[in-house]
Protein backbone atom coordinates (compact mmCIF):
# COMPACT_ATOMS: atom_id res chain seq x y z
CA MET A 1 40.89 2.49 7.41
CA THR A 2 37.43 3.52 8.19
CA GLN A 3 35.52 0.40 9.26
CA THR A 4 32.04 -0.38 8.38
CA SER A 5 30.84 -0.94 11.98
CA ASP A 6 31.67 2.52 12.25
CA PHE A 7 28.01 3.29 10.31
CA ASP A 8 26.12 1.12 12.52
CA TYR A 9 23.20 2.47 14.64
CA ASP A 10 20.38 0.32 16.21
CA LEU A 11 17.10 0.45 13.86
CA PRO A 12 14.26 -1.14 15.73
CA GLU A 13 11.58 -2.38 13.29
CA LYS A 14 8.84 0.42 14.96
CA TYR A 15 11.02 3.39 13.19
CA ILE A 16 10.37 1.51 9.74
CA GLY A 17 7.75 3.55 7.65
CA GLN A 18 5.40 1.31 6.63
CA VAL A 19 3.12 3.44 3.92
CA PRO A 20 4.25 6.60 2.54
CA ALA A 21 2.91 9.79 4.42
CA GLU A 22 -0.96 11.01 3.43
CA PRO A 23 -0.62 13.32 2.03
CA ARG A 24 2.52 13.52 0.56
CA ASP A 25 4.29 16.58 1.60
CA SER A 26 2.71 15.86 5.15
CA ALA A 27 6.08 14.04 6.09
CA ARG A 28 7.84 15.73 8.70
CA LEU A 29 11.53 16.83 7.94
CA LEU A 30 14.35 17.31 10.58
CA VAL A 31 16.07 20.67 9.27
CA ALA A 32 19.50 20.58 10.17
CA GLY A 33 21.52 23.93 9.90
CA ALA A 34 24.18 25.92 10.71
CA GLU A 35 21.44 27.57 13.92
CA GLY A 36 20.65 23.76 15.06
CA LEU A 37 18.06 21.69 14.57
CA SER A 38 14.44 21.49 13.64
CA HIS A 39 11.49 20.49 13.29
CA GLN A 40 9.56 20.98 9.89
CA THR A 41 7.44 19.39 7.55
CA VAL A 42 8.47 19.21 3.55
CA ARG A 43 5.33 21.60 2.44
CA GLY A 44 6.94 24.22 4.57
CA LEU A 45 9.73 23.60 2.18
CA PRO A 46 9.85 26.73 -0.49
CA GLY A 47 10.18 28.98 2.91
CA ILE A 48 12.71 27.23 4.16
CA LEU A 49 14.94 27.27 1.25
CA ARG A 50 16.77 30.63 0.10
CA GLU A 51 15.74 32.41 -2.66
CA GLY A 52 17.70 31.84 -5.52
CA ASP A 53 18.40 28.00 -4.51
CA LEU A 54 18.20 25.95 -7.43
CA VAL A 55 16.66 22.36 -6.50
CA VAL A 56 17.81 19.65 -8.38
CA VAL A 57 15.90 16.32 -8.83
CA ASN A 58 16.02 12.90 -9.93
CA ASP A 59 12.98 12.15 -12.59
CA THR A 60 13.74 8.31 -12.94
CA LYS A 61 10.44 6.25 -12.91
CA VAL A 62 10.47 3.01 -11.47
CA LEU A 63 9.96 -0.20 -13.54
CA PRO A 64 7.36 -2.82 -12.53
CA ALA A 65 10.48 -5.20 -11.97
CA ARG A 66 9.45 -7.97 -9.79
CA PHE A 67 8.23 -11.23 -11.52
CA HIS A 68 7.07 -13.86 -9.04
CA LEU A 69 7.29 -17.06 -11.28
CA ARG A 70 7.48 -20.96 -10.61
CA LYS A 71 9.58 -23.81 -11.89
CA PRO A 72 8.16 -26.13 -13.90
CA THR A 73 8.43 -28.50 -10.99
CA GLY A 74 6.38 -25.72 -9.13
CA GLY A 75 9.19 -24.39 -7.14
CA ALA A 76 8.74 -20.56 -6.36
CA VAL A 77 11.46 -18.03 -7.92
CA GLU A 78 11.69 -14.53 -7.78
CA ILE A 79 13.43 -12.65 -10.66
CA LEU A 80 14.34 -8.74 -9.74
CA LEU A 81 15.33 -6.92 -13.47
CA LEU A 82 18.26 -4.87 -12.70
CA GLU A 83 18.92 -3.41 -16.26
CA PRO A 84 19.04 -4.23 -19.47
CA THR A 85 22.05 -5.66 -21.81
CA GLY A 86 22.03 -4.26 -24.42
CA ASN A 87 20.84 -7.58 -26.62
CA HIS A 88 17.15 -7.99 -27.25
CA ARG A 89 14.35 -8.71 -23.62
CA GLU A 90 18.13 -9.67 -22.32
CA TRP A 91 18.31 -8.44 -18.68
CA GLN A 92 21.02 -8.49 -15.80
CA ALA A 93 18.71 -9.61 -12.47
CA LEU A 94 18.63 -11.43 -8.97
CA VAL A 95 17.59 -14.52 -8.86
CA LYS A 96 15.74 -16.06 -5.50
CA PRO A 97 17.48 -18.97 -5.24
CA GLY A 98 19.43 -18.49 -7.92
CA LYS A 99 21.99 -21.66 -7.74
CA ARG A 100 19.60 -24.30 -8.05
CA LEU A 101 18.56 -23.11 -11.65
CA HIS A 102 21.24 -24.19 -14.34
CA ILE A 103 22.08 -22.02 -17.69
CA GLY A 104 18.61 -22.93 -19.99
CA ALA A 105 16.20 -23.18 -17.21
CA ARG A 106 12.75 -21.66 -18.01
CA LEU A 107 10.23 -20.48 -15.33
CA GLU A 108 6.55 -20.12 -16.40
CA LEU A 109 3.73 -17.51 -15.36
CA ALA A 110 0.59 -19.65 -15.48
CA GLY A 111 1.91 -22.42 -17.01
CA GLU A 112 3.66 -20.81 -20.16
CA PRO A 113 7.22 -20.45 -20.00
CA VAL A 114 8.18 -16.92 -19.69
CA VAL A 115 11.83 -15.78 -18.17
CA GLU A 116 14.91 -18.19 -19.31
CA ILE A 117 18.23 -17.94 -17.50
CA VAL A 118 21.43 -17.53 -20.00
CA ASP A 119 24.72 -16.98 -17.93
CA ALA A 120 25.31 -16.61 -14.28
CA LEU A 121 27.37 -13.22 -13.22
CA PRO A 122 29.62 -12.33 -10.17
CA ASP A 123 27.81 -11.68 -6.84
CA GLY A 124 24.47 -13.39 -7.54
CA ARG A 125 23.61 -11.85 -10.60
CA ARG A 126 22.19 -13.25 -13.46
CA ILE A 127 21.50 -12.93 -16.86
CA VAL A 128 17.53 -13.59 -18.33
CA ARG A 129 16.24 -13.39 -21.75
CA LEU A 130 12.34 -12.46 -21.42
CA LEU A 131 10.02 -15.03 -23.35
CA ALA A 132 7.34 -12.32 -24.16
CA ASP A 133 7.23 -8.47 -24.94
CA ASP A 134 4.65 -8.04 -22.76
CA LEU A 135 5.68 -9.58 -19.50
CA VAL A 136 6.87 -6.61 -18.01
CA GLU A 137 3.86 -5.03 -18.16
CA ARG A 138 1.60 -7.94 -17.75
CA ALA A 139 2.69 -9.37 -14.72
CA GLY A 140 5.58 -7.02 -13.22
CA GLU A 141 5.37 -5.74 -9.68
CA VAL A 142 6.75 -2.64 -7.74
CA PRO A 143 9.69 -3.65 -6.19
CA LEU A 144 9.43 -2.68 -3.16
CA PRO A 145 12.16 -3.33 -0.33
CA PRO A 146 11.96 -6.15 1.68
CA TYR A 147 11.74 -4.57 4.97
CA ILE A 148 8.05 -2.93 3.92
CA HIS A 149 5.43 -5.44 4.79
CA GLU A 150 2.47 -3.60 4.07
CA PRO A 151 1.13 -3.48 0.59
CA LEU A 152 1.12 -0.93 -1.83
CA GLN A 153 -2.31 0.36 -2.08
CA ASP A 154 -1.34 2.43 -4.69
CA ARG A 155 1.93 1.51 -7.20
CA ASP A 156 1.87 5.16 -7.75
CA ARG A 157 3.00 6.20 -4.42
CA TYR A 158 6.04 4.73 -4.89
CA GLN A 159 6.59 7.21 -7.79
CA THR A 160 7.47 10.75 -7.44
CA ILE A 161 4.68 12.93 -9.18
CA TYR A 162 7.95 14.22 -11.92
CA ALA A 163 8.85 10.67 -12.91
CA ASN A 164 9.41 10.17 -16.26
CA GLN A 165 11.02 7.08 -18.43
CA ALA A 166 10.78 4.01 -17.43
CA GLY A 167 14.37 2.63 -15.38
CA SER A 168 15.13 2.37 -12.43
CA VAL A 169 14.54 -0.72 -9.63
CA ALA A 170 13.62 1.68 -6.45
CA ALA A 171 12.45 5.00 -6.40
CA PRO A 172 14.56 8.14 -5.63
CA THR A 173 12.80 7.99 -2.48
CA ALA A 174 13.20 11.66 -0.71
CA GLY A 175 11.31 13.32 -3.74
CA LEU A 176 8.73 11.14 -2.82
CA HIS A 177 7.58 13.85 -0.46
CA LEU A 178 7.12 16.04 -3.12
CA THR A 179 4.08 17.66 -4.34
CA ASP A 180 2.81 20.21 -7.04
CA GLU A 181 2.08 22.57 -4.30
CA VAL A 182 5.35 22.35 -3.01
CA LEU A 183 7.44 22.65 -6.64
CA ALA A 184 4.40 25.60 -7.42
CA GLY A 185 5.53 27.07 -3.72
CA PHE A 186 9.70 27.20 -4.91
CA ASP A 187 8.44 29.18 -8.34
CA ASP A 188 6.97 31.62 -5.93
CA VAL A 189 9.57 32.52 -4.26
CA GLY A 190 12.74 32.24 -6.90
CA ILE A 191 13.88 29.32 -5.94
CA GLU A 192 14.96 27.27 -9.59
CA LEU A 193 14.13 23.23 -10.65
CA ALA A 194 16.39 21.24 -12.49
CA ARG A 195 15.76 17.57 -13.64
CA VAL A 196 18.62 14.54 -13.84
CA GLU A 197 17.88 11.45 -14.23
CA LEU A 198 19.60 8.52 -12.44
CA ARG A 199 18.74 4.68 -12.95
CA VAL A 200 18.85 3.46 -9.35
CA GLY A 201 20.18 0.26 -9.81
CA LEU A 202 22.26 -2.05 -7.67
CA GLY A 203 24.73 0.35 -6.64
CA THR A 204 22.13 2.04 -4.63
CA PHE A 205 20.85 -0.27 -2.65
CA ARG A 206 23.04 -3.10 -2.13
CA PRO A 207 24.73 -3.07 1.33
CA ILE A 208 28.37 -2.88 2.40
CA SER A 209 29.49 -6.26 3.50
CA ALA A 210 33.61 -5.96 3.14
CA GLU A 211 34.59 -4.85 7.07
CA SER A 212 35.97 -1.72 5.55
CA ILE A 213 34.36 1.28 3.86
CA GLN A 214 37.29 1.31 1.44
CA ASP A 215 36.89 -2.21 0.44
CA HIS A 216 33.39 -2.04 -0.91
CA THR A 217 33.02 -1.85 -4.82
CA MET A 218 29.97 -0.28 -5.87
CA HIS A 219 27.66 -1.43 -8.86
CA THR A 220 27.63 0.70 -11.94
CA GLU A 221 24.12 3.08 -13.03
CA ALA A 222 23.73 4.76 -15.52
CA TYR A 223 22.76 8.43 -15.41
CA GLU A 224 21.93 11.35 -17.99
CA VAL A 225 21.71 15.22 -17.78
CA SER A 226 21.08 17.69 -20.66
CA GLN A 227 23.71 20.43 -21.12
CA SER A 228 20.85 23.15 -20.68
CA VAL A 229 20.67 21.71 -17.07
CA TRP A 230 24.67 21.40 -16.26
CA GLN A 231 24.88 25.16 -17.76
CA GLN A 232 21.94 25.77 -14.97
CA ILE A 233 23.86 24.47 -12.55
CA GLN A 234 27.27 26.02 -13.32
CA ALA A 235 25.56 29.20 -13.52
CA ALA A 236 23.88 28.83 -10.13
CA LYS A 237 27.52 27.98 -8.57
CA ALA A 238 29.26 30.69 -10.21
CA ALA A 239 26.55 33.29 -8.68
CA GLY A 240 27.39 31.96 -5.38
CA ARG A 241 23.87 30.24 -5.50
CA ARG A 242 22.93 26.83 -3.44
CA VAL A 243 22.21 24.17 -5.51
CA VAL A 244 19.89 21.84 -3.00
CA ALA A 245 20.36 17.69 -4.10
CA VAL A 246 16.81 15.70 -3.69
CA GLY A 247 17.89 12.60 -2.65
CA THR A 248 21.18 10.69 -2.58
CA THR A 249 21.25 9.44 -6.35
CA THR A 250 20.74 13.14 -7.32
CA VAL A 251 24.00 13.96 -5.25
CA ARG A 252 26.01 11.21 -7.08
CA THR A 253 24.76 12.00 -10.88
CA LEU A 254 25.89 15.91 -10.00
CA GLU A 255 29.04 15.02 -8.31
CA SER A 256 30.07 12.64 -10.92
CA ILE A 257 29.82 14.67 -13.75
CA ALA A 258 31.67 17.43 -11.95
CA ALA A 259 34.73 14.67 -11.39
CA ARG A 260 34.98 14.23 -15.04
CA TYR A 261 33.62 17.31 -16.45
CA GLU A 262 36.85 19.18 -16.53
CA THR A 263 38.89 16.56 -18.47
CA GLU A 264 35.83 15.04 -20.57
CA GLY A 265 33.64 18.23 -21.22
CA GLU A 266 30.39 17.08 -22.73
CA ALA A 267 30.68 13.44 -23.00
CA ALA A 268 30.73 13.36 -19.00
CA LEU A 269 26.90 14.29 -19.35
CA SER A 270 25.66 11.02 -19.68
CA GLY A 271 27.69 7.75 -19.29
CA ARG A 272 27.59 5.05 -15.75
CA THR A 273 29.08 5.97 -12.90
CA ASP A 274 30.29 3.95 -9.46
CA LEU A 275 31.60 6.68 -7.65
CA PHE A 276 31.29 5.98 -4.13
CA ILE A 277 31.21 9.27 -1.75
CA HIS A 278 32.76 9.24 1.81
CA ARG A 279 34.99 10.85 4.00
CA GLY A 280 37.44 12.76 2.30
CA PHE A 281 35.90 13.73 -0.98
CA LYS A 282 36.04 17.36 -2.47
CA TRP A 283 32.67 18.12 -2.81
CA GLN A 284 31.89 20.33 -6.03
CA VAL A 285 28.59 20.77 -6.84
CA VAL A 286 26.21 19.81 -4.06
CA ASP A 287 25.19 22.32 -1.04
CA VAL A 288 22.43 21.29 0.65
CA MET A 289 20.59 17.84 0.64
CA LEU A 290 17.08 16.35 1.16
CA THR A 291 17.03 12.54 1.79
CA ASN A 292 15.54 10.30 4.02
CA PHE A 293 16.64 8.44 7.17
CA HIS A 294 19.09 5.05 5.38
CA VAL A 295 20.05 2.04 6.31
CA PRO A 296 22.54 1.01 9.05
CA ARG A 297 26.17 -0.24 7.50
CA SER A 298 25.05 1.32 4.17
CA SER A 299 26.79 3.10 1.25
CA LEU A 300 24.47 6.42 1.73
CA LEU A 301 24.58 6.37 5.44
CA VAL A 302 28.51 6.94 4.31
CA MET A 303 27.97 9.49 2.19
CA ILE A 304 25.79 11.33 4.73
CA ASP A 305 28.99 11.18 6.32
CA ALA A 306 30.84 12.56 4.36
CA PHE A 307 28.46 15.54 4.21
CA VAL A 308 27.94 16.70 7.52
CA GLY A 309 30.29 14.43 9.32
CA ASP A 310 29.99 12.83 12.84
CA ARG A 311 26.96 15.06 13.27
CA TRP A 312 24.82 12.38 11.70
CA ARG A 313 25.04 10.59 14.75
CA ALA A 314 23.40 13.43 16.58
CA ILE A 315 20.85 13.58 13.68
CA TYR A 316 19.38 10.45 13.77
CA SER A 317 19.28 10.38 17.32
CA GLU A 318 17.21 13.11 17.70
CA ALA A 319 14.71 11.71 15.08
CA LYS A 320 14.34 8.74 16.58
CA THR A 321 13.68 10.70 20.00
CA GLU A 322 11.32 12.31 17.84
CA GLY A 323 9.08 9.51 16.43
CA TYR A 324 10.51 10.25 13.12
CA ARG A 325 9.95 7.04 10.10
CA PHE A 326 13.08 6.13 8.78
CA LEU A 327 13.42 4.30 5.40
CA SER A 328 12.06 4.54 1.92
CA PHE A 329 8.70 5.58 3.37
CA GLY A 330 10.28 7.54 6.22
CA ASP A 331 10.28 11.23 7.00
CA ALA A 332 13.25 13.21 5.62
CA MET A 333 16.15 15.78 6.54
CA LEU A 334 17.38 18.62 5.34
CA LEU A 335 21.12 18.74 5.72
CA GLU A 336 23.67 21.83 5.03
CA ARG A 337 27.22 20.75 3.96
CA ASP A 338 29.65 20.91 6.41
CA ARG A 339 32.92 22.86 4.44
CA ASN A 340 34.90 22.24 7.33
CA LEU A 341 35.00 18.69 6.62
CA ARG A 342 38.06 16.89 5.43
């Protein structure tokens, strides 16, 4: 049994990026390849990757899903929408403080009832009903992670430049570093680009609370990949070209489909995934990963361990020594998968 404490490391607040890099592609890039570690910037990615590589991005868009509301008695309540239930105006949500709110309670914005508590779910989640069709557009805020304390001057900076359909409650943050110039550079040197969608939800950012990682349960998240993109990925693999996943959400999308495709065929190209990647995982698609530096004791860090093994500690130590910025608005690393891991 692998202990969650094995994925702990010291992360003083001074290392946590509070504002995004400006310009985006000026973010530092720690490249961890077979030859060792090198220090680059994201702007140099077209020259760092290889001709023929296939870069895959997650083009989900962040929903303005956080609301600061009031109880009729005046008490403050924060709501974070997670995903729609399929019933009209109903959403799964996190509600703080939630325990004191009974089913049927209504929350107000400027004295107007705008949200009703409908039901309670496990893990502190609630079902809520929006009482106004335009509430998200009118009052929703970009749900920045709680460790970011600086106000975001431009909320588009918490979106990738290729973000498409809104549905996520957190950004696929590795993609925040990419610019039109970087994407044009890929095209110039013969690097392909493909888009998938995973709607980032509770499964990605909820920490591991179990003592053993084997006891951790991932919440499911919705994904969708077109048949043409999957064919593009399969063609790259068949030709011996590398698949470069931008972000852990892209990794989970691709590997979830690969695990299901042989038995389910095209039905595997959309659905929900609770895939939890840890040491011993049988990799089928991703060869290289562009990702940010992750929170201690998180499922994302466990995935990195499954990708590069114990080397992650040396990579993170080097990043701290060299003053890299960590987490959502931090810098990035480019990791080549260790094919000798078991």
